[in-house]
Amino acid sequence: MNMYAFTELQRYVANEISKKIGREIKVGRYTHTADSYHLYGSYFSEISQWLEQIKTKSLDARTVNTEDVQYFLDSGKIDVYNNKQNSKIPLLENHKKRLLREIPKDRHAELKE
């Protein structure tokens, strides 16, 4: 979700600059480097497989594009919209409207009103 947040911020800034200067600014490439993966012993098998992939696959083969994970990103938006984490902090109306615009129409049945 951190990568999603940063790429959404990147998109937002590009859109705002585009509005101010009157021409399109395209979103560039985003590269994320993490120095703490929060790995735990219960994930040993998955971690081992992941480390093997790093040894054998090229960077391009290990790269994920937003389109590759869009379903999961939309699922996260649905969870925020539905307050799945039971946050005591209310979702601001303008954020709720933005989420509603960004969540694909074919997934609106998953939203709670």
PDB file of N, CA and C in Angstrom:
ATOM      1  N   MET A   1       0.823  -1.199   0.000  1.00  0.00           N
ATOM      2  CA  MET A   1       0.000   0.000   0.000  1.00  0.00           C
ATOM      3  C   MET A   1       0.861   1.256   0.000  1.00  0.00           C
ATOM      4  N   ASN A   2       2.080   1.195   0.534  1.00  0.00           N
ATOM      5  CA  ASN A   2       2.959   2.359   0.472  1.00  0.00           C
ATOM      6  C   ASN A   2       3.273   2.718  -0.977  1.00  0.00           C
ATOM      7  N   MET A   3       3.576   1.695  -1.780  1.00  0.00           N
ATOM      8  CA  MET A   3       3.877   1.963  -3.188  1.00  0.00           C
ATOM      9  C   MET A   3       2.669   2.574  -3.879  1.00  0.00           C
ATOM     10  N   TYR A   4       1.492   2.057  -3.578  1.00  0.00           N
ATOM     11  CA  TYR A   4       0.271   2.617  -4.152  1.00  0.00           C
ATOM     12  C   TYR A   4       0.119   4.080  -3.753  1.00  0.00           C
ATOM     13  N   ALA A   5       0.315   4.376  -2.476  1.00  0.00           N
ATOM     14  CA  ALA A   5       0.156   5.750  -2.004  1.00  0.00           C
ATOM     15  C   ALA A   5       1.133   6.688  -2.713  1.00  0.00           C
ATOM     16  N   PHE A   6       2.378   6.259  -2.866  1.00  0.00           N
ATOM     17  CA  PHE A   6       3.359   7.110  -3.528  1.00  0.00           C
ATOM     18  C   PHE A   6       3.047   7.301  -5.009  1.00  0.00           C
ATOM     19  N   THR A   7       2.570   6.253  -5.689  1.00  0.00           N
ATOM     20  CA  THR A   7       2.243   6.416  -7.109  1.00  0.00           C
ATOM     21  C   THR A   7       0.981   7.260  -7.290  1.00  0.00           C
ATOM     22  N   GLU A   8       0.055   7.170  -6.346  1.00  0.00           N
ATOM     23  CA  GLU A   8      -1.130   8.037  -6.397  1.00  0.00           C
ATOM     24  C   GLU A   8      -0.733   9.489  -6.166  1.00  0.00           C
ATOM     25  N   LEU A   9       0.195   9.723  -5.243  1.00  0.00           N
ATOM     26  CA  LEU A   9       0.700  11.074  -5.006  1.00  0.00           C
ATOM     27  C   LEU A   9       1.394  11.597  -6.260  1.00  0.00           C
ATOM     28  N   GLN A  10       2.171  10.752  -6.898  1.00  0.00           N
ATOM     29  CA  GLN A  10       2.858  11.121  -8.141  1.00  0.00           C
ATOM     30  C   GLN A  10       1.834  11.520  -9.219  1.00  0.00           C
ATOM     31  N   ARG A  11       0.778  10.731  -9.350  1.00  0.00           N
ATOM     32  CA  ARG A  11      -0.267  11.029 -10.328  1.00  0.00           C
ATOM     33  C   ARG A  11      -0.968  12.345  -9.993  1.00  0.00           C
ATOM     34  N   TYR A  12      -1.276  12.537  -8.731  1.00  0.00           N
ATOM     35  CA  TYR A  12      -1.955  13.752  -8.273  1.00  0.00           C
ATOM     36  C   TYR A  12      -1.108  14.996  -8.578  1.00  0.00           C
ATOM     37  N   VAL A  13       0.174  14.941  -8.247  1.00  0.00           N
ATOM     38  CA  VAL A  13       1.059  16.089  -8.489  1.00  0.00           C
ATOM     39  C   VAL A  13       1.150  16.384  -9.986  1.00  0.00           C
ATOM     40  N   ALA A  14       1.286  15.348 -10.798  1.00  0.00           N
ATOM     41  CA  ALA A  14       1.355  15.548 -12.253  1.00  0.00           C
ATOM     42  C   ALA A  14       0.073  16.211 -12.760  1.00  0.00           C
ATOM     43  N   ASN A  15      -1.094  15.763 -12.272  1.00  0.00           N
ATOM     44  CA  ASN A  15      -2.373  16.360 -12.692  1.00  0.00           C
ATOM     45  C   ASN A  15      -2.477  17.815 -12.265  1.00  0.00           C
ATOM     46  N   GLU A  16      -2.067  18.124 -11.050  1.00  0.00           N
ATOM     47  CA  GLU A  16      -2.140  19.500 -10.551  1.00  0.00           C
ATOM     48  C   GLU A  16      -1.205  20.416 -11.330  1.00  0.00           C
ATOM     49  N   ILE A  17      -0.006  19.956 -11.630  1.00  0.00           N
ATOM     50  CA  ILE A  17       0.926  20.756 -12.431  1.00  0.00           C
ATOM     51  C   ILE A  17       0.352  20.967 -13.823  1.00  0.00           C
ATOM     52  N   SER A  18      -0.228  19.911 -14.398  1.00  0.00           N
ATOM     53  CA  SER A  18      -0.837  20.019 -15.729  1.00  0.00           C
ATOM     54  C   SER A  18      -1.898  21.110 -15.759  1.00  0.00           C
ATOM     55  N   LYS A  19      -2.745  21.156 -14.730  1.00  0.00           N
ATOM     56  CA  LYS A  19      -3.793  22.181 -14.656  1.00  0.00           C
ATOM     57  C   LYS A  19      -3.194  23.578 -14.588  1.00  0.00           C
ATOM     58  N   LYS A  20      -2.133  23.734 -13.792  1.00  0.00           N
ATOM     59  CA  LYS A  20      -1.542  25.053 -13.575  1.00  0.00           C
ATOM     60  C   LYS A  20      -0.815  25.589 -14.802  1.00  0.00           C
ATOM     61  N   ILE A  21      -0.155  24.706 -15.546  1.00  0.00           N
ATOM     62  CA  ILE A  21       0.623  25.185 -16.692  1.00  0.00           C
ATOM     63  C   ILE A  21      -0.105  25.024 -18.023  1.00  0.00           C
ATOM     64  N   GLY A  22      -1.258  24.358 -18.007  1.00  0.00           N
ATOM     65  CA  GLY A  22      -2.063  24.249 -19.213  1.00  0.00           C
ATOM     66  C   GLY A  22      -1.559  23.254 -20.241  1.00  0.00           C
ATOM     67  N   ARG A  23      -0.730  22.334 -19.824  1.00  0.00           N
ATOM     68  CA  ARG A  23      -0.314  21.250 -20.728  1.00  0.00           C
ATOM     69  C   ARG A  23      -0.094  19.995 -19.909  1.00  0.00           C
ATOM     70  N   GLU A  24      -0.206  18.856 -20.595  1.00  0.00           N
ATOM     71  CA  GLU A  24      -0.149  17.579 -19.886  1.00  0.00           C
ATOM     72  C   GLU A  24       1.253  17.252 -19.386  1.00  0.00           C
ATOM     73  N   ILE A  25       1.321  16.897 -18.131  1.00  0.00           N
ATOM     74  CA  ILE A  25       2.544  16.353 -17.547  1.00  0.00           C
ATOM     75  C   ILE A  25       2.262  14.883 -17.279  1.00  0.00           C
ATOM     76  N   LYS A  26       3.019  14.024 -17.909  1.00  0.00           N
ATOM     77  CA  LYS A  26       2.801  12.588 -17.741  1.00  0.00           C
ATOM     78  C   LYS A  26       3.518  12.095 -16.497  1.00  0.00           C
ATOM     79  N   VAL A  27       2.951  11.067 -15.908  1.00  0.00           N
ATOM     80  CA  VAL A  27       3.558  10.442 -14.732  1.00  0.00           C
ATOM     81  C   VAL A  27       4.756   9.631 -15.187  1.00  0.00           C
ATOM     82  N   GLY A  28       5.858   9.819 -14.505  1.00  0.00           N
ATOM     83  CA  GLY A  28       7.074   9.082 -14.837  1.00  0.00           C
ATOM     84  C   GLY A  28       7.125   7.731 -14.140  1.00  0.00           C
ATOM     85  N   ARG A  29       8.227   7.084 -14.281  1.00  0.00           N
ATOM     86  CA  ARG A  29       8.441   5.775 -13.673  1.00  0.00           C
ATOM     87  C   ARG A  29       8.673   5.948 -12.174  1.00  0.00           C
ATOM     88  N   TYR A  30       8.153   5.024 -11.402  1.00  0.00           N
ATOM     89  CA  TYR A  30       8.339   5.036  -9.960  1.00  0.00           C
ATOM     90  C   TYR A  30       9.111   3.785  -9.571  1.00  0.00           C
ATOM     91  N   THR A  31      10.174   3.973  -8.824  1.00  0.00           N
ATOM     92  CA  THR A  31      10.958   2.849  -8.325  1.00  0.00           C
ATOM     93  C   THR A  31      10.929   2.898  -6.809  1.00  0.00           C
ATOM     94  N   HIS A  32      10.625   1.778  -6.205  1.00  0.00           N
ATOM     95  CA  HIS A  32      10.505   1.712  -4.747  1.00  0.00           C
ATOM     96  C   HIS A  32      11.581   0.783  -4.200  1.00  0.00           C
ATOM     97  N   THR A  33      12.327   1.265  -3.242  1.00  0.00           N
ATOM     98  CA  THR A  33      13.328   0.449  -2.573  1.00  0.00           C
ATOM     99  C   THR A  33      12.971   0.392  -1.101  1.00  0.00           C
ATOM    100  N   ALA A  34      12.899  -0.796  -0.567  1.00  0.00           N
ATOM    101  CA  ALA A  34      12.583  -0.970   0.858  1.00  0.00           C
ATOM    102  C   ALA A  34      13.781  -1.599   1.549  1.00  0.00           C
ATOM    103  N   ASP A  35      14.091  -1.093   2.731  1.00  0.00           N
ATOM    104  CA  ASP A  35      15.205  -1.676   3.473  1.00  0.00           C
ATOM    105  C   ASP A  35      14.722  -2.542   4.632  1.00  0.00           C
ATOM    106  N   SER A  36      13.412  -2.653   4.777  1.00  0.00           N
ATOM    107  CA  SER A  36      12.855  -3.533   5.796  1.00  0.00           C
ATOM    108  C   SER A  36      11.612  -4.187   5.221  1.00  0.00           C
ATOM    109  N   TYR A  37      11.672  -5.479   5.033  1.00  0.00           N
ATOM    110  CA  TYR A  37      10.554  -6.195   4.428  1.00  0.00           C
ATOM    111  C   TYR A  37       9.571  -6.750   5.456  1.00  0.00           C
ATOM    112  N   HIS A  38       9.845  -6.572   6.743  1.00  0.00           N
ATOM    113  CA  HIS A  38       8.981  -7.080   7.804  1.00  0.00           C
ATOM    114  C   HIS A  38       8.692  -8.571   7.590  1.00  0.00           C
ATOM    115  N   LEU A  39       9.750  -9.328   7.425  1.00  0.00           N
ATOM    116  CA  LEU A  39       9.624 -10.757   7.180  1.00  0.00           C
ATOM    117  C   LEU A  39       9.646 -11.523   8.496  1.00  0.00           C
ATOM    118  N   TYR A  40       8.780 -12.491   8.582  1.00  0.00           N
ATOM    119  CA  TYR A  40       8.648 -13.279   9.800  1.00  0.00           C
ATOM    120  C   TYR A  40       8.811 -14.755   9.467  1.00  0.00           C
ATOM    121  N   GLY A  41       9.162 -15.544  10.465  1.00  0.00           N
ATOM    122  CA  GLY A  41       9.425 -16.967  10.265  1.00  0.00           C
ATOM    123  C   GLY A  41       8.301 -17.731   9.608  1.00  0.00           C
ATOM    124  N   SER A  42       7.066 -17.312   9.840  1.00  0.00           N
ATOM    125  CA  SER A  42       5.926 -18.023   9.250  1.00  0.00           C
ATOM    126  C   SER A  42       5.899 -17.883   7.728  1.00  0.00           C
ATOM    127  N   TYR A  43       6.685 -16.941   7.197  1.00  0.00           N
ATOM    128  CA  TYR A  43       6.739 -16.731   5.748  1.00  0.00           C
ATOM    129  C   TYR A  43       7.991 -17.339   5.128  1.00  0.00           C
ATOM    130  N   PHE A  44       8.679 -18.209   5.851  1.00  0.00           N
ATOM    131  CA  PHE A  44       9.967 -18.719   5.400  1.00  0.00           C
ATOM    132  C   PHE A  44       9.903 -19.318   3.996  1.00  0.00           C
ATOM    133  N   SER A  45       8.893 -20.118   3.716  1.00  0.00           N
ATOM    134  CA  SER A  45       8.777 -20.761   2.405  1.00  0.00           C
ATOM    135  C   SER A  45       8.639 -19.721   1.289  1.00  0.00           C
ATOM    136  N   GLU A  46       7.751 -18.751   1.494  1.00  0.00           N
ATOM    137  CA  GLU A  46       7.538 -17.708   0.484  1.00  0.00           C
ATOM    138  C   GLU A  46       8.788 -16.859   0.294  1.00  0.00           C
ATOM    139  N   ILE A  47       9.457 -16.558   1.409  1.00  0.00           N
ATOM    140  CA  ILE A  47      10.671 -15.744   1.337  1.00  0.00           C
ATOM    141  C   ILE A  47      11.749 -16.483   0.563  1.00  0.00           C
ATOM    142  N   SER A  48      11.893 -17.773   0.822  1.00  0.00           N
ATOM    143  CA  SER A  48      12.891 -18.579   0.114  1.00  0.00           C
ATOM    144  C   SER A  48      12.634 -18.565  -1.388  1.00  0.00           C
ATOM    145  N   GLN A  49      11.372 -18.726  -1.784  1.00  0.00           N
ATOM    146  CA  GLN A  49      11.018 -18.691  -3.211  1.00  0.00           C
ATOM    147  C   GLN A  49      11.336 -17.321  -3.806  1.00  0.00           C
ATOM    148  N   TRP A  50      11.020 -16.270  -3.074  1.00  0.00           N
ATOM    149  CA  TRP A  50      11.263 -14.911  -3.544  1.00  0.00           C
ATOM    150  C   TRP A  50      12.762 -14.662  -3.741  1.00  0.00           C
ATOM    151  N   LEU A  51      13.570 -15.110  -2.781  1.00  0.00           N
ATOM    152  CA  LEU A  51      15.018 -14.933  -2.901  1.00  0.00           C
ATOM    153  C   LEU A  51      15.572 -15.683  -4.103  1.00  0.00           C
ATOM    154  N   GLU A  52      15.038 -16.861  -4.389  1.00  0.00           N
ATOM    155  CA  GLU A  52      15.472 -17.613  -5.570  1.00  0.00           C
ATOM    156  C   GLU A  52      15.135 -16.849  -6.846  1.00  0.00           C
ATOM    157  N   GLN A  53      13.970 -16.215  -6.879  1.00  0.00           N
ATOM    158  CA  GLN A  53      13.578 -15.438  -8.055  1.00  0.00           C
ATOM    159  C   GLN A  53      14.535 -14.278  -8.293  1.00  0.00           C
ATOM    160  N   ILE A  54      14.960 -13.645  -7.223  1.00  0.00           N
ATOM    161  CA  ILE A  54      15.893 -12.524  -7.365  1.00  0.00           C
ATOM    162  C   ILE A  54      17.185 -12.992  -8.031  1.00  0.00           C
ATOM    163  N   LYS A  55      17.629 -14.204  -7.696  1.00  0.00           N
ATOM    164  CA  LYS A  55      18.861 -14.738  -8.276  1.00  0.00           C
ATOM    165  C   LYS A  55      18.720 -15.043  -9.759  1.00  0.00           C
ATOM    166  N   THR A  56      17.525 -15.486 -10.164  1.00  0.00           N
ATOM    167  CA  THR A  56      17.384 -16.036 -11.510  1.00  0.00           C
ATOM    168  C   THR A  56      16.618 -15.155 -12.498  1.00  0.00           C
ATOM    169  N   LYS A  57      15.803 -14.220 -12.020  1.00  0.00           N
ATOM    170  CA  LYS A  57      14.982 -13.425 -12.933  1.00  0.00           C
ATOM    171  C   LYS A  57      15.570 -12.032 -13.132  1.00  0.00           C
ATOM    172  N   SER A  58      15.370 -11.508 -14.327  1.00  0.00           N
ATOM    173  CA  SER A  58      15.828 -10.147 -14.620  1.00  0.00           C
ATOM    174  C   SER A  58      14.957  -9.144 -13.871  1.00  0.00           C
ATOM    175  N   LEU A  59      15.436  -7.913 -13.807  1.00  0.00           N
ATOM    176  CA  LEU A  59      14.666  -6.863 -13.148  1.00  0.00           C
ATOM    177  C   LEU A  59      13.308  -6.693 -13.827  1.00  0.00           C
ATOM    178  N   ASP A  60      13.278  -6.716 -15.157  1.00  0.00           N
ATOM    179  CA  ASP A  60      12.002  -6.574 -15.869  1.00  0.00           C
ATOM    180  C   ASP A  60      11.020  -7.680 -15.491  1.00  0.00           C
ATOM    181  N   ALA A  61      11.533  -8.886 -15.299  1.00  0.00           N
ATOM    182  CA  ALA A  61      10.662 -10.008 -14.934  1.00  0.00           C
ATOM    183  C   ALA A  61      10.144  -9.878 -13.503  1.00  0.00           C
ATOM    184  N   ARG A  62      10.835  -9.079 -12.686  1.00  0.00           N
ATOM    185  CA  ARG A  62      10.418  -8.878 -11.292  1.00  0.00           C
ATOM    186  C   ARG A  62       9.690  -7.554 -11.092  1.00  0.00           C
ATOM    187  N   THR A  63       9.470  -6.817 -12.159  1.00  0.00           N
ATOM    188  CA  THR A  63       8.844  -5.500 -12.066  1.00  0.00           C
ATOM    189  C   THR A  63       7.332  -5.631 -12.186  1.00  0.00           C
ATOM    190  N   VAL A  64       6.623  -4.868 -11.373  1.00  0.00           N
ATOM    191  CA  VAL A  64       5.167  -4.884 -11.384  1.00  0.00           C
ATOM    192  C   VAL A  64       4.667  -3.528 -11.862  1.00  0.00           C
ATOM    193  N   ASN A  65       3.760  -3.546 -12.796  1.00  0.00           N
ATOM    194  CA  ASN A  65       3.110  -2.325 -13.264  1.00  0.00           C
ATOM    195  C   ASN A  65       1.782  -2.168 -12.542  1.00  0.00           C
ATOM    196  N   THR A  66       1.325  -0.942 -12.422  1.00  0.00           N
ATOM    197  CA  THR A  66       0.059  -0.674 -11.746  1.00  0.00           C
ATOM    198  C   THR A  66      -1.054  -1.542 -12.323  1.00  0.00           C
ATOM    199  N   GLU A  67      -1.097  -1.682 -13.637  1.00  0.00           N
ATOM    200  CA  GLU A  67      -2.152  -2.461 -14.276  1.00  0.00           C
ATOM    201  C   GLU A  67      -2.133  -3.916 -13.813  1.00  0.00           C
ATOM    202  N   ASP A  68      -0.946  -4.421 -13.483  1.00  0.00           N
ATOM    203  CA  ASP A  68      -0.815  -5.811 -13.039  1.00  0.00           C
ATOM    204  C   ASP A  68      -1.502  -6.061 -11.706  1.00  0.00           C
ATOM    205  N   VAL A  69      -1.607  -5.031 -10.890  1.00  0.00           N
ATOM    206  CA  VAL A  69      -2.156  -5.196  -9.540  1.00  0.00           C
ATOM    207  C   VAL A  69      -3.385  -4.317  -9.298  1.00  0.00           C
ATOM    208  N   GLN A  70      -3.973  -3.811 -10.370  1.00  0.00           N
ATOM    209  CA  GLN A  70      -5.094  -2.880 -10.233  1.00  0.00           C
ATOM    210  C   GLN A  70      -6.246  -3.468  -9.429  1.00  0.00           C
ATOM    211  N   TYR A  71      -6.538  -4.744  -9.620  1.00  0.00           N
ATOM    212  CA  TYR A  71      -7.623  -5.385  -8.870  1.00  0.00           C
ATOM    213  C   TYR A  71      -7.383  -5.258  -7.365  1.00  0.00           C
ATOM    214  N   PHE A  72      -6.157  -5.499  -6.941  1.00  0.00           N
ATOM    215  CA  PHE A  72      -5.826  -5.444  -5.516  1.00  0.00           C
ATOM    216  C   PHE A  72      -5.849  -4.009  -4.992  1.00  0.00           C
ATOM    217  N   LEU A  73      -5.404  -3.062  -5.821  1.00  0.00           N
ATOM    218  CA  LEU A  73      -5.465  -1.659  -5.427  1.00  0.00           C
ATOM    219  C   LEU A  73      -6.922  -1.221  -5.260  1.00  0.00           C
ATOM    220  N   ASP A  74      -7.763  -1.632  -6.196  1.00  0.00           N
ATOM    221  CA  ASP A  74      -9.189  -1.313  -6.086  1.00  0.00           C
ATOM    222  C   ASP A  74      -9.800  -1.971  -4.848  1.00  0.00           C
ATOM    223  N   SER A  75      -9.346  -3.183  -4.519  1.00  0.00           N
ATOM    224  CA  SER A  75      -9.831  -3.854  -3.309  1.00  0.00           C
ATOM    225  C   SER A  75      -9.474  -3.044  -2.071  1.00  0.00           C
ATOM    226  N   GLY A  76      -8.281  -2.472  -2.056  1.00  0.00           N
ATOM    227  CA  GLY A  76      -7.878  -1.626  -0.944  1.00  0.00           C
ATOM    228  C   GLY A  76      -8.750  -0.383  -0.838  1.00  0.00           C
ATOM    229  N   LYS A  77      -9.083   0.208  -1.977  1.00  0.00           N
ATOM    230  CA  LYS A  77      -9.972   1.376  -1.982  1.00  0.00           C
ATOM    231  C   LYS A  77     -11.349   0.998  -1.434  1.00  0.00           C
ATOM    232  N   ILE A  78     -11.829  -0.172  -1.820  1.00  0.00           N
ATOM    233  CA  ILE A  78     -13.129  -0.654  -1.333  1.00  0.00           C
ATOM    234  C   ILE A  78     -13.069  -0.856   0.181  1.00  0.00           C
ATOM    235  N   ASP A  79     -11.971  -1.420   0.662  1.00  0.00           N
ATOM    236  CA  ASP A  79     -11.818  -1.613   2.116  1.00  0.00           C
ATOM    237  C   ASP A  79     -11.833  -0.277   2.856  1.00  0.00           C
ATOM    238  N   VAL A  80     -11.148   0.738   2.309  1.00  0.00           N
ATOM    239  CA  VAL A  80     -11.144   2.061   2.946  1.00  0.00           C
ATOM    240  C   VAL A  80     -12.551   2.649   2.908  1.00  0.00           C
ATOM    241  N   TYR A  81     -13.203   2.571   1.761  1.00  0.00           N
ATOM    242  CA  TYR A  81     -14.559   3.101   1.614  1.00  0.00           C
ATOM    243  C   TYR A  81     -15.505   2.448   2.619  1.00  0.00           C
ATOM    244  N   ASN A  82     -15.365   1.139   2.793  1.00  0.00           N
ATOM    245  CA  ASN A  82     -16.236   0.383   3.690  1.00  0.00           C
ATOM    246  C   ASN A  82     -15.765   0.410   5.149  1.00  0.00           C
ATOM    247  N   ASN A  83     -14.657   1.110   5.413  1.00  0.00           N
ATOM    248  CA  ASN A  83     -14.079   1.188   6.753  1.00  0.00           C
ATOM    249  C   ASN A  83     -13.861  -0.212   7.342  1.00  0.00           C
ATOM    250  N   LYS A  84     -13.251  -1.070   6.557  1.00  0.00           N
ATOM    251  CA  LYS A  84     -13.025  -2.448   6.981  1.00  0.00           C
ATOM    252  C   LYS A  84     -12.145  -2.540   8.235  1.00  0.00           C
ATOM    253  N   GLN A  85     -11.256  -1.544   8.424  1.00  0.00           N
ATOM    254  CA  GLN A  85     -10.395  -1.558   9.606  1.00  0.00           C
ATOM    255  C   GLN A  85     -11.076  -0.955  10.827  1.00  0.00           C
ATOM    256  N   ASN A  86     -12.339  -0.562  10.683  1.00  0.00           N
ATOM    257  CA  ASN A  86     -13.107   0.025  11.787  1.00  0.00           C
ATOM    258  C   ASN A  86     -12.400   1.229  12.404  1.00  0.00           C
ATOM    259  N   SER A  87     -11.900   2.091  11.540  1.00  0.00           N
ATOM    260  CA  SER A  87     -11.221   3.295  12.008  1.00  0.00           C
ATOM    261  C   SER A  87     -12.217   4.237  12.677  1.00  0.00           C
ATOM    262  N   LYS A  88     -11.752   4.877  13.728  1.00  0.00           N
ATOM    263  CA  LYS A  88     -12.575   5.884  14.416  1.00  0.00           C
ATOM    264  C   LYS A  88     -12.493   7.231  13.695  1.00  0.00           C
ATOM    265  N   ILE A  89     -11.544   7.346  12.769  1.00  0.00           N
ATOM    266  CA  ILE A  89     -11.380   8.579  12.002  1.00  0.00           C
ATOM    267  C   ILE A  89     -12.351   8.543  10.824  1.00  0.00           C
ATOM    268  N   PRO A  90     -13.272   9.486  10.754  1.00  0.00           N
ATOM    269  CA  PRO A  90     -14.253   9.453   9.655  1.00  0.00           C
ATOM    270  C   PRO A  90     -13.599   9.758   8.309  1.00  0.00           C
ATOM    271  N   LEU A  91     -14.099   9.113   7.292  1.00  0.00           N
ATOM    272  CA  LEU A  91     -13.635   9.365   5.931  1.00  0.00           C
ATOM    273  C   LEU A  91     -14.275  10.658   5.451  1.00  0.00           C
ATOM    274  N   LEU A  92     -13.441  11.630   5.094  1.00  0.00           N
ATOM    275  CA  LEU A  92     -13.959  12.915   4.635  1.00  0.00           C
ATOM    276  C   LEU A  92     -14.796  12.727   3.373  1.00  0.00           C
ATOM    277  N   GLU A  93     -15.824  13.519   3.241  1.00  0.00           N
ATOM    278  CA  GLU A  93     -16.768  13.373   2.128  1.00  0.00           C
ATOM    279  C   GLU A  93     -16.079  13.502   0.772  1.00  0.00           C
ATOM    280  N   ASN A  94     -15.130  14.445   0.652  1.00  0.00           N
ATOM    281  CA  ASN A  94     -14.453  14.598  -0.648  1.00  0.00           C
ATOM    282  C   ASN A  94     -13.578  13.377  -0.963  1.00  0.00           C
ATOM    283  N   HIS A  95     -13.018  12.736   0.059  1.00  0.00           N
ATOM    284  CA  HIS A  95     -12.242  11.511  -0.170  1.00  0.00           C
ATOM    285  C   HIS A  95     -13.165  10.354  -0.555  1.00  0.00           C
ATOM    286  N   LYS A  96     -14.311  10.295   0.095  1.00  0.00           N
ATOM    287  CA  LYS A  96     -15.282   9.250  -0.225  1.00  0.00           C
ATOM    288  C   LYS A  96     -15.757   9.385  -1.677  1.00  0.00           C
ATOM    289  N   LYS A  97     -16.006  10.628  -2.103  1.00  0.00           N
ATOM    290  CA  LYS A  97     -16.431  10.862  -3.493  1.00  0.00           C
ATOM    291  C   LYS A  97     -15.329  10.461  -4.472  1.00  0.00           C
ATOM    292  N   ARG A  98     -14.066  10.783  -4.131  1.00  0.00           N
ATOM    293  CA  ARG A  98     -12.954  10.426  -5.016  1.00  0.00           C
ATOM    294  C   ARG A  98     -12.839   8.911  -5.117  1.00  0.00           C
ATOM    295  N   LEU A  99     -12.946   8.220  -3.985  1.00  0.00           N
ATOM    296  CA  LEU A  99     -12.887   6.755  -4.018  1.00  0.00           C
ATOM    297  C   LEU A  99     -14.005   6.191  -4.885  1.00  0.00           C
ATOM    298  N   LEU A 100     -15.190   6.748  -4.736  1.00  0.00           N
ATOM    299  CA  LEU A 100     -16.331   6.275  -5.516  1.00  0.00           C
ATOM    300  C   LEU A 100     -16.077   6.443  -7.016  1.00  0.00           C
ATOM    301  N   ARG A 101     -15.427   7.541  -7.401  1.00  0.00           N
ATOM    302  CA  ARG A 101     -15.086   7.757  -8.818  1.00  0.00           C
ATOM    303  C   ARG A 101     -14.021   6.771  -9.291  1.00  0.00           C
ATOM    304  N   GLU A 102     -13.075   6.450  -8.403  1.00  0.00           N
ATOM    305  CA  GLU A 102     -11.938   5.619  -8.813  1.00  0.00           C
ATOM    306  C   GLU A 102     -12.228   4.120  -8.775  1.00  0.00           C
ATOM    307  N   ILE A 103     -13.172   3.715  -7.960  1.00  0.00           N
ATOM    308  CA  ILE A 103     -13.513   2.287  -7.892  1.00  0.00           C
ATOM    309  C   ILE A 103     -14.330   1.936  -9.139  1.00  0.00           C
ATOM    310  N   PRO A 104     -13.914   0.910  -9.871  1.00  0.00           N
ATOM    311  CA  PRO A 104     -14.639   0.557 -11.101  1.00  0.00           C
ATOM    312  C   PRO A 104     -16.130   0.290 -10.829  1.00  0.00           C
ATOM    313  N   LYS A 105     -16.956   0.734 -11.736  1.00  0.00           N
ATOM    314  CA  LYS A 105     -18.418   0.593 -11.576  1.00  0.00           C
ATOM    315  C   LYS A 105     -18.831  -0.867 -11.380  1.00  0.00           C
ATOM    316  N   ASP A 106     -18.110  -1.783 -12.036  1.00  0.00           N
ATOM    317  CA  ASP A 106     -18.491  -3.192 -11.904  1.00  0.00           C
ATOM    318  C   ASP A 106     -18.166  -3.765 -10.522  1.00  0.00           C
ATOM    319  N   ARG A 107     -17.523  -2.971  -9.655  1.00  0.00           N
ATOM    320  CA  ARG A 107     -17.234  -3.417  -8.283  1.00  0.00           C
ATOM    321  C   ARG A 107     -18.026  -2.620  -7.246  1.00  0.00           C
ATOM    322  N   HIS A 108     -18.931  -1.734  -7.696  1.00  0.00           N
ATOM    323  CA  HIS A 108     -19.701  -0.926  -6.767  1.00  0.00           C
ATOM    324  C   HIS A 108     -20.632  -1.775  -5.885  1.00  0.00           C
ATOM    325  N   ALA A 109     -20.982  -2.962  -6.319  1.00  0.00           N
ATOM    326  CA  ALA A 109     -21.841  -3.830  -5.505  1.00  0.00           C
ATOM    327  C   ALA A 109     -21.137  -4.221  -4.195  1.00  0.00           C
ATOM    328  N   GLU A 110     -19.816  -4.089  -4.155  1.00  0.00           N
ATOM    329  CA  GLU A 110     -19.046  -4.434  -2.954  1.00  0.00           C
ATOM    330  C   GLU A 110     -19.033  -3.299  -1.916  1.00  0.00           C
ATOM    331  N   LEU A 111     -19.566  -2.135  -2.292  1.00  0.00           N
ATOM    332  CA  LEU A 111     -19.548  -0.966  -1.412  1.00  0.00           C
ATOM    333  C   LEU A 111     -20.732  -0.982  -0.463  1.00  0.00           C
ATOM    334  N   LYS A 112     -20.461  -0.571   0.765  1.00  0.00           N
ATOM    335  CA  LYS A 112     -21.518  -0.455   1.770  1.00  0.00           C
ATOM    336  C   LYS A 112     -21.909   1.006   1.880  1.00  0.00           C
ATOM    337  N   GLU A 113     -23.170   1.272   1.919  1.00  0.00           N
ATOM    338  CA  GLU A 113     -23.638   2.660   2.056  1.00  0.00           C
ATOM    339  C   GLU A 113     -24.017   2.971   3.464  1.00  0.00           C
TER     340      GLU A 113
END
